Amino acid sequence: MAGEPLVLVVEDEPAQREVLAYNIQAEGFQVMTAEAGDIALEMVRETPPDVIVLDWMLPHVSGIEVCRQLKMGTDTARIPIIMLSARSEEVDKIRGLETGADDYVTKPYSVAELLARLRTQLRRVRPATVGERLEFEDILIDLAEHRVYRNKEQLSLGPTEFRLLTAFMERPGRVWSREQLLDRVWGRDIYVDSRTVDVHVGRLRKALKAGDHGDPIRTVRGAGYALG
């Protein structure tokens, strides 16, 4: 579904990978899977997920090394990582967290507990998934009531423009490529021409500028769009 959080599951055991993917999809989230660390790194660079569920023991590139590389990357450092490991010793947990993991779950684990921890991380990076308010300067989105205000005046937005603004306001300052906006707003399984993004960004700008307000959306030449 367009706009749903995207979770990357990195697990080399096929049965575990399938169980995780099935249960996360059942929660209404989109899922990508990778069976090795090098594949995961490539996938994250092409399509950044909202949260990564990452196994410690992986072929080719270990989960710890994947975590380290992602946390050092400018574009990937803020993606929450939940580390899965059969290593239950405190020293191993500390090592995982010090490498940059945002949470650490020891195997065997309950799927219900893992999903609860996943929702906690999503609440931090995608508040829209829990029906809260988003604010940026004088713009406010009330996600529960599906209303948008600028300087306390309600704006009229179409559903696509509403989803676009929500994506921008969840991560102010982030530069979104047209392809990333297509994945986030329209969904990865729907083919839409990238020029459609320009059309809807133009409509969003027009709505936000109503009443002589300034334009909060930046066009970044050769890269895409950003809020602020």
C-alpha atoms as a PDB file:
ATOM      1  CA  MET A   1       0.000   0.000   0.000  1.00  0.00           C
ATOM      2  CA  ALA A   2       1.322   3.418  -0.906  1.00  0.00           C
ATOM      3  CA  GLY A   3       2.747   5.304   1.995  1.00  0.00           C
ATOM      4  CA  GLU A   4       3.085   2.285   4.281  1.00  0.00           C
ATOM      5  CA  PRO A   5       6.409   1.925   6.135  1.00  0.00           C
ATOM      6  CA  LEU A   6       9.072  -0.114   4.360  1.00  0.00           C
ATOM      7  CA  VAL A   7      10.994  -2.681   6.416  1.00  0.00           C
ATOM      8  CA  LEU A   8      14.144  -4.479   5.241  1.00  0.00           C
ATOM      9  CA  VAL A   9      14.648  -7.943   6.745  1.00  0.00           C
ATOM     10  CA  VAL A  10      18.229  -9.218   6.477  1.00  0.00           C
ATOM     11  CA  GLU A  11      18.369 -12.886   7.490  1.00  0.00           C
ATOM     12  CA  ASP A  12      20.290 -15.764   5.862  1.00  0.00           C
ATOM     13  CA  GLU A  13      18.025 -18.548   7.198  1.00  0.00           C
ATOM     14  CA  PRO A  14      15.222 -18.944   4.604  1.00  0.00           C
ATOM     15  CA  ALA A  15      12.620 -20.168   7.124  1.00  0.00           C
ATOM     16  CA  GLN A  16      13.309 -17.319   9.560  1.00  0.00           C
ATOM     17  CA  ARG A  17      13.315 -14.786   6.726  1.00  0.00           C
ATOM     18  CA  GLU A  18       9.962 -16.047   5.473  1.00  0.00           C
ATOM     19  CA  VAL A  19       8.348 -15.997   8.930  1.00  0.00           C
ATOM     20  CA  LEU A  20       9.558 -12.463   9.604  1.00  0.00           C
ATOM     21  CA  ALA A  21       8.451 -11.167   6.212  1.00  0.00           C
ATOM     22  CA  TYR A  22       5.017 -12.784   6.569  1.00  0.00           C
ATOM     23  CA  ASN A  23       4.362 -11.355  10.037  1.00  0.00           C
ATOM     24  CA  ILE A  24       5.627  -7.879   9.198  1.00  0.00           C
ATOM     25  CA  GLN A  25       3.446  -7.790   6.062  1.00  0.00           C
ATOM     26  CA  ALA A  26       0.502  -8.941   8.185  1.00  0.00           C
ATOM     27  CA  GLU A  27       0.995  -5.750  10.241  1.00  0.00           C
ATOM     28  CA  GLY A  28       0.355  -3.756   7.062  1.00  0.00           C
ATOM     29  CA  PHE A  29       3.967  -2.860   6.300  1.00  0.00           C
ATOM     30  CA  GLN A  30       5.893  -3.257   3.057  1.00  0.00           C
ATOM     31  CA  VAL A  31       8.814  -5.698   3.239  1.00  0.00           C
ATOM     32  CA  MET A  32      12.061  -6.205   1.344  1.00  0.00           C
ATOM     33  CA  THR A  33      14.325  -9.166   2.160  1.00  0.00           C
ATOM     34  CA  ALA A  34      18.017  -9.882   1.756  1.00  0.00           C
ATOM     35  CA  GLU A  35      19.923 -13.057   2.575  1.00  0.00           C
ATOM     36  CA  ALA A  36      23.410 -11.555   2.801  1.00  0.00           C
ATOM     37  CA  GLY A  37      25.090  -8.410   4.091  1.00  0.00           C
ATOM     38  CA  ASP A  38      26.463  -7.198   0.760  1.00  0.00           C
ATOM     39  CA  ILE A  39      23.047  -7.555  -0.867  1.00  0.00           C
ATOM     40  CA  ALA A  40      21.479  -5.618   2.021  1.00  0.00           C
ATOM     41  CA  LEU A  41      23.911  -2.722   1.621  1.00  0.00           C
ATOM     42  CA  GLU A  42      23.120  -2.481  -2.087  1.00  0.00           C
ATOM     43  CA  MET A  43      19.355  -2.596  -1.463  1.00  0.00           C
ATOM     44  CA  VAL A  44      19.522   0.155   1.170  1.00  0.00           C
ATOM     45  CA  ARG A  45      21.413   2.436  -1.210  1.00  0.00           C
ATOM     46  CA  GLU A  46      18.859   1.862  -3.981  1.00  0.00           C
ATOM     47  CA  THR A  47      15.685   1.969  -1.840  1.00  0.00           C
ATOM     48  CA  PRO A  48      16.223   3.260   1.715  1.00  0.00           C
ATOM     49  CA  PRO A  49      13.845   1.486   4.121  1.00  0.00           C
ATOM     50  CA  ASP A  50      12.267   3.026   7.214  1.00  0.00           C
ATOM     51  CA  VAL A  51      13.612   0.312   9.548  1.00  0.00           C
ATOM     52  CA  ILE A  52      16.073  -2.569   9.148  1.00  0.00           C
ATOM     53  CA  VAL A  53      15.778  -5.912  10.976  1.00  0.00           C
ATOM     54  CA  LEU A  54      19.345  -7.222  10.757  1.00  0.00           C
ATOM     55  CA  ASP A  55      20.775 -10.619  11.700  1.00  0.00           C
ATOM     56  CA  TRP A  56      24.253 -10.566  13.269  1.00  0.00           C
ATOM     57  CA  MET A  57      25.558 -13.734  11.533  1.00  0.00           C
ATOM     58  CA  LEU A  58      25.452 -13.228   7.768  1.00  0.00           C
ATOM     59  CA  PRO A  59      27.532 -14.546   4.862  1.00  0.00           C
ATOM     60  CA  HIS A  60      30.030 -12.292   3.048  1.00  0.00           C
ATOM     61  CA  VAL A  61      29.487  -9.185   5.206  1.00  0.00           C
ATOM     62  CA  SER A  62      28.465  -9.608   8.869  1.00  0.00           C
ATOM     63  CA  GLY A  63      25.496  -7.831  10.401  1.00  0.00           C
ATOM     64  CA  ILE A  64      27.834  -5.856  12.640  1.00  0.00           C
ATOM     65  CA  GLU A  65      29.770  -4.609   9.594  1.00  0.00           C
ATOM     66  CA  VAL A  66      26.531  -3.790   7.733  1.00  0.00           C
ATOM     67  CA  CYS A  67      25.387  -1.792  10.766  1.00  0.00           C
ATOM     68  CA  ARG A  68      28.730   0.010  11.013  1.00  0.00           C
ATOM     69  CA  GLN A  69      28.743   0.991   7.328  1.00  0.00           C
ATOM     70  CA  LEU A  70      25.143   2.218   7.371  1.00  0.00           C
ATOM     71  CA  LYS A  71      25.610   4.277  10.535  1.00  0.00           C
ATOM     72  CA  MET A  72      28.662   5.929   8.980  1.00  0.00           C
ATOM     73  CA  GLY A  73      26.766   6.866   5.806  1.00  0.00           C
ATOM     74  CA  THR A  74      25.346  10.382   5.548  1.00  0.00           C
ATOM     75  CA  ASP A  75      22.124   9.186   3.894  1.00  0.00           C
ATOM     76  CA  THR A  76      21.663   6.009   5.959  1.00  0.00           C
ATOM     77  CA  ALA A  77      22.818   6.913   9.488  1.00  0.00           C
ATOM     78  CA  ARG A  78      19.310   7.740  10.728  1.00  0.00           C
ATOM     79  CA  ILE A  79      17.665   4.492   9.596  1.00  0.00           C
ATOM     80  CA  PRO A  80      16.817   2.518  12.780  1.00  0.00           C
ATOM     81  CA  ILE A  81      18.432  -0.924  12.973  1.00  0.00           C
ATOM     82  CA  ILE A  82      17.111  -3.777  15.119  1.00  0.00           C
ATOM     83  CA  MET A  83      19.903  -6.345  15.519  1.00  0.00           C
ATOM     84  CA  LEU A  84      18.971 -10.031  15.833  1.00  0.00           C
ATOM     85  CA  SER A  85      21.504 -12.357  17.402  1.00  0.00           C
ATOM     86  CA  ALA A  86      21.886 -15.730  19.099  1.00  0.00           C
ATOM     87  CA  ARG A  87      24.643 -14.056  21.139  1.00  0.00           C
ATOM     88  CA  SER A  88      23.043 -13.437  24.520  1.00  0.00           C
ATOM     89  CA  GLU A  89      26.162 -12.339  26.409  1.00  0.00           C
ATOM     90  CA  GLU A  90      26.029  -8.770  27.671  1.00  0.00           C
ATOM     91  CA  VAL A  91      29.354  -7.956  26.012  1.00  0.00           C
ATOM     92  CA  ASP A  92      27.888  -8.904  22.620  1.00  0.00           C
ATOM     93  CA  LYS A  93      24.791  -6.785  23.194  1.00  0.00           C
ATOM     94  CA  ILE A  94      26.976  -3.818  24.156  1.00  0.00           C
ATOM     95  CA  ARG A  95      29.097  -4.324  21.040  1.00  0.00           C
ATOM     96  CA  GLY A  96      25.984  -4.348  18.853  1.00  0.00           C
ATOM     97  CA  LEU A  97      24.606  -1.184  20.411  1.00  0.00           C
ATOM     98  CA  GLU A  98      27.964   0.582  20.329  1.00  0.00           C
ATOM     99  CA  THR A  99      28.230  -0.201  16.615  1.00  0.00           C
ATOM    100  CA  GLY A 100      25.048   1.822  16.176  1.00  0.00           C
ATOM    101  CA  ALA A 101      22.178  -0.639  16.472  1.00  0.00           C
ATOM    102  CA  ASP A 102      19.063   1.046  17.859  1.00  0.00           C
ATOM    103  CA  ASP A 103      17.767  -2.144  19.492  1.00  0.00           C
ATOM    104  CA  TYR A 104      19.065  -5.659  20.135  1.00  0.00           C
ATOM    105  CA  VAL A 105      16.897  -8.794  20.221  1.00  0.00           C
ATOM    106  CA  THR A 106      18.298 -12.152  21.338  1.00  0.00           C
ATOM    107  CA  LYS A 107      17.299 -15.391  19.596  1.00  0.00           C
ATOM    108  CA  PRO A 108      15.049 -17.208  20.168  1.00  0.00           C
ATOM    109  CA  TYR A 109      12.627 -14.305  20.293  1.00  0.00           C
ATOM    110  CA  SER A 110       8.864 -13.951  20.177  1.00  0.00           C
ATOM    111  CA  VAL A 111       7.557 -12.477  16.938  1.00  0.00           C
ATOM    112  CA  ALA A 112       5.071 -10.390  18.948  1.00  0.00           C
ATOM    113  CA  GLU A 113       7.918  -8.785  20.927  1.00  0.00           C
ATOM    114  CA  LEU A 114       9.907  -8.093  17.759  1.00  0.00           C
ATOM    115  CA  LEU A 115       6.864  -6.457  16.129  1.00  0.00           C
ATOM    116  CA  ALA A 116       6.365  -4.284  19.218  1.00  0.00           C
ATOM    117  CA  ARG A 117       9.994  -3.135  19.032  1.00  0.00           C
ATOM    118  CA  LEU A 118       9.601  -2.546  15.308  1.00  0.00           C
ATOM    119  CA  ARG A 119       6.575  -0.312  15.909  1.00  0.00           C
ATOM    120  CA  THR A 120       8.577   1.618  18.540  1.00  0.00           C
ATOM    121  CA  GLN A 121      11.296   2.390  15.997  1.00  0.00           C
ATOM    122  CA  LEU A 122       8.716   3.306  13.343  1.00  0.00           C
ATOM    123  CA  ARG A 123       6.995   5.668  15.760  1.00  0.00           C
ATOM    124  CA  ARG A 124      10.294   7.518  16.032  1.00  0.00           C
ATOM    125  CA  VAL A 125      10.952   7.900  12.293  1.00  0.00           C
ATOM    126  CA  ARG A 126       7.425   7.684  10.851  1.00  0.00           C
ATOM    127  CA  PRO A 127       5.030   9.322  13.332  1.00  0.00           C
ATOM    128  CA  ALA A 128       2.365   9.239  10.626  1.00  0.00           C
ATOM    129  CA  THR A 129       2.056   5.500  11.225  1.00  0.00           C
ATOM    130  CA  VAL A 130       0.654   6.111  14.715  1.00  0.00           C
ATOM    131  CA  GLY A 131      -1.718   8.944  13.887  1.00  0.00           C
ATOM    132  CA  GLU A 132       0.089  11.839  15.523  1.00  0.00           C
ATOM    133  CA  ARG A 133       0.619  15.441  14.502  1.00  0.00           C
ATOM    134  CA  LEU A 134       3.474  16.660  12.345  1.00  0.00           C
ATOM    135  CA  GLU A 135       4.755  20.232  12.544  1.00  0.00           C
ATOM    136  CA  PHE A 136       7.287  22.199  10.513  1.00  0.00           C
ATOM    137  CA  GLU A 137       7.589  25.938  11.053  1.00  0.00           C
ATOM    138  CA  ASP A 138       4.017  27.279  10.536  1.00  0.00           C
ATOM    139  CA  ILE A 139       2.698  24.093   8.851  1.00  0.00           C
ATOM    140  CA  LEU A 140       0.765  21.511  10.878  1.00  0.00           C
ATOM    141  CA  ILE A 141      -0.688  18.172   9.784  1.00  0.00           C
ATOM    142  CA  ASP A 142      -3.331  16.578  11.998  1.00  0.00           C
ATOM    143  CA  LEU A 143      -3.022  12.977  10.834  1.00  0.00           C
ATOM    144  CA  ALA A 144      -5.961  11.720  12.878  1.00  0.00           C
ATOM    145  CA  GLU A 145      -8.347  14.255  11.307  1.00  0.00           C
ATOM    146  CA  HIS A 146      -6.568  14.331   7.929  1.00  0.00           C
ATOM    147  CA  ARG A 147      -6.308  18.130   8.003  1.00  0.00           C
ATOM    148  CA  VAL A 148      -3.501  20.528   7.079  1.00  0.00           C
ATOM    149  CA  TYR A 149      -3.009  24.028   8.514  1.00  0.00           C
ATOM    150  CA  ARG A 150      -0.607  26.836   7.689  1.00  0.00           C
ATOM    151  CA  ASN A 151      -0.402  29.698  10.155  1.00  0.00           C
ATOM    152  CA  LYS A 152      -3.542  28.190  11.762  1.00  0.00           C
ATOM    153  CA  GLU A 153      -5.534  28.466   8.502  1.00  0.00           C
ATOM    154  CA  GLN A 154      -6.826  25.188   7.065  1.00  0.00           C
ATOM    155  CA  LEU A 155      -5.586  24.307   3.580  1.00  0.00           C
ATOM    156  CA  SER A 156      -7.331  22.229   0.947  1.00  0.00           C
ATOM    157  CA  LEU A 157      -5.129  19.399  -0.336  1.00  0.00           C
ATOM    158  CA  GLY A 158      -5.876  16.435  -2.579  1.00  0.00           C
ATOM    159  CA  PRO A 159      -5.059  12.945  -1.230  1.00  0.00           C
ATOM    160  CA  THR A 160      -1.807  12.662  -3.204  1.00  0.00           C
ATOM    161  CA  GLU A 161      -0.630  16.103  -2.105  1.00  0.00           C
ATOM    162  CA  PHE A 162      -1.493  15.170   1.496  1.00  0.00           C
ATOM    163  CA  ARG A 163       0.709  12.042   1.286  1.00  0.00           C
ATOM    164  CA  LEU A 164       3.500  14.044  -0.349  1.00  0.00           C
ATOM    165  CA  LEU A 165       3.452  16.670   2.392  1.00  0.00           C
ATOM    166  CA  THR A 166       3.381  13.955   5.058  1.00  0.00           C
ATOM    167  CA  ALA A 167       6.510  12.359   3.575  1.00  0.00           C
ATOM    168  CA  PHE A 168       8.283  15.741   3.457  1.00  0.00           C
ATOM    169  CA  MET A 169       7.299  16.633   7.025  1.00  0.00           C
ATOM    170  CA  GLU A 170       8.375  13.315   8.482  1.00  0.00           C
ATOM    171  CA  ARG A 171      11.942  14.137   7.428  1.00  0.00           C
ATOM    172  CA  PRO A 172      12.435  17.896   6.975  1.00  0.00           C
ATOM    173  CA  GLY A 173      15.619  18.775   5.141  1.00  0.00           C
ATOM    174  CA  ARG A 174      15.959  15.374   3.486  1.00  0.00           C
ATOM    175  CA  VAL A 175      16.317  15.502  -0.288  1.00  0.00           C
ATOM    176  CA  TRP A 176      13.897  13.052  -1.928  1.00  0.00           C
ATOM    177  CA  SER A 177      14.514  11.862  -5.475  1.00  0.00           C
ATOM    178  CA  ARG A 178      11.498  11.480  -7.747  1.00  0.00           C
ATOM    179  CA  GLU A 179      11.895   7.693  -7.586  1.00  0.00           C
ATOM    180  CA  GLN A 180      11.905   7.707  -3.777  1.00  0.00           C
ATOM    181  CA  LEU A 181       8.774   9.857  -3.703  1.00  0.00           C
ATOM    182  CA  LEU A 182       7.090   7.502  -6.169  1.00  0.00           C
ATOM    183  CA  ASP A 183       7.862   4.548  -3.886  1.00  0.00           C
ATOM    184  CA  ARG A 184       6.720   6.361  -0.736  1.00  0.00           C
ATOM    185  CA  VAL A 185       3.593   8.096  -2.048  1.00  0.00           C
ATOM    186  CA  TRP A 186       2.324   5.915  -4.890  1.00  0.00           C
ATOM    187  CA  GLY A 187       3.778   2.539  -3.842  1.00  0.00           C
ATOM    188  CA  ARG A 188       6.543   0.352  -5.236  1.00  0.00           C
ATOM    189  CA  ASP A 189       4.187  -1.885  -7.235  1.00  0.00           C
ATOM    190  CA  ILE A 190       2.494   0.930  -9.168  1.00  0.00           C
ATOM    191  CA  TYR A 191       3.978   2.326 -12.366  1.00  0.00           C
ATOM    192  CA  VAL A 192       3.728   6.104 -12.554  1.00  0.00           C
ATOM    193  CA  ASP A 193       5.855   8.354 -14.747  1.00  0.00           C
ATOM    194  CA  SER A 194       8.369  10.314 -12.656  1.00  0.00           C
ATOM    195  CA  ARG A 195       7.102  13.554 -14.237  1.00  0.00           C
ATOM    196  CA  THR A 196       3.866  12.958 -12.326  1.00  0.00           C
ATOM    197  CA  VAL A 197       5.829  13.777  -9.168  1.00  0.00           C
ATOM    198  CA  ASP A 198       6.644  17.229 -10.571  1.00  0.00           C
ATOM    199  CA  VAL A 199       2.962  17.861 -11.287  1.00  0.00           C
ATOM    200  CA  HIS A 200       1.848  16.972  -7.758  1.00  0.00           C
ATOM    201  CA  VAL A 201       4.715  18.860  -6.112  1.00  0.00           C
ATOM    202  CA  GLY A 202       3.575  21.872  -8.140  1.00  0.00           C
ATOM    203  CA  ARG A 203       0.021  21.460  -6.836  1.00  0.00           C
ATOM    204  CA  LEU A 204       1.296  21.082  -3.284  1.00  0.00           C
ATOM    205  CA  ARG A 205       3.379  24.229  -3.628  1.00  0.00           C
ATOM    206  CA  LYS A 206       0.381  26.169  -4.919  1.00  0.00           C
ATOM    207  CA  ALA A 207      -1.738  25.069  -1.950  1.00  0.00           C
ATOM    208  CA  LEU A 208       0.993  25.891   0.574  1.00  0.00           C
ATOM    209  CA  LYS A 209       1.611  29.340  -0.927  1.00  0.00           C
ATOM    210  CA  ALA A 210      -2.079  30.325  -0.804  1.00  0.00           C
ATOM    211  CA  GLY A 211      -2.559  33.531   1.167  1.00  0.00           C
ATOM    212  CA  ASP A 212       0.827  34.999   0.223  1.00  0.00           C
ATOM    213  CA  HIS A 213       2.852  32.410   2.155  1.00  0.00           C
ATOM    214  CA  GLY A 214       6.397  31.581   1.099  1.00  0.00           C
ATOM    215  CA  ASP A 215       7.335  28.366  -0.697  1.00  0.00           C
ATOM    216  CA  PRO A 216       8.796  25.887   1.853  1.00  0.00           C
ATOM    217  CA  ILE A 217       9.748  23.273  -0.759  1.00  0.00           C
ATOM    218  CA  ARG A 218      13.197  23.388  -2.323  1.00  0.00           C
ATOM    219  CA  THR A 219      14.005  22.009  -5.768  1.00  0.00           C
ATOM    220  CA  VAL A 220      17.482  20.494  -5.648  1.00  0.00           C
ATOM    221  CA  ARG A 221      18.828  20.450  -9.182  1.00  0.00           C
ATOM    222  CA  GLY A 222      19.615  16.931 -10.361  1.00  0.00           C
ATOM    223  CA  ALA A 223      18.516  15.397  -7.068  1.00  0.00           C
ATOM    224  CA  GLY A 224      14.848  16.055  -6.284  1.00  0.00           C
ATOM    225  CA  TYR A 225      12.893  17.954  -3.642  1.00  0.00           C
ATOM    226  CA  ALA A 226      13.220  18.823   0.040  1.00  0.00           C
ATOM    227  CA  LEU A 227      11.176  20.606   2.692  1.00  0.00           C
ATOM    228  CA  GLY A 228      13.090  23.452   4.259  1.00  0.00           C
END
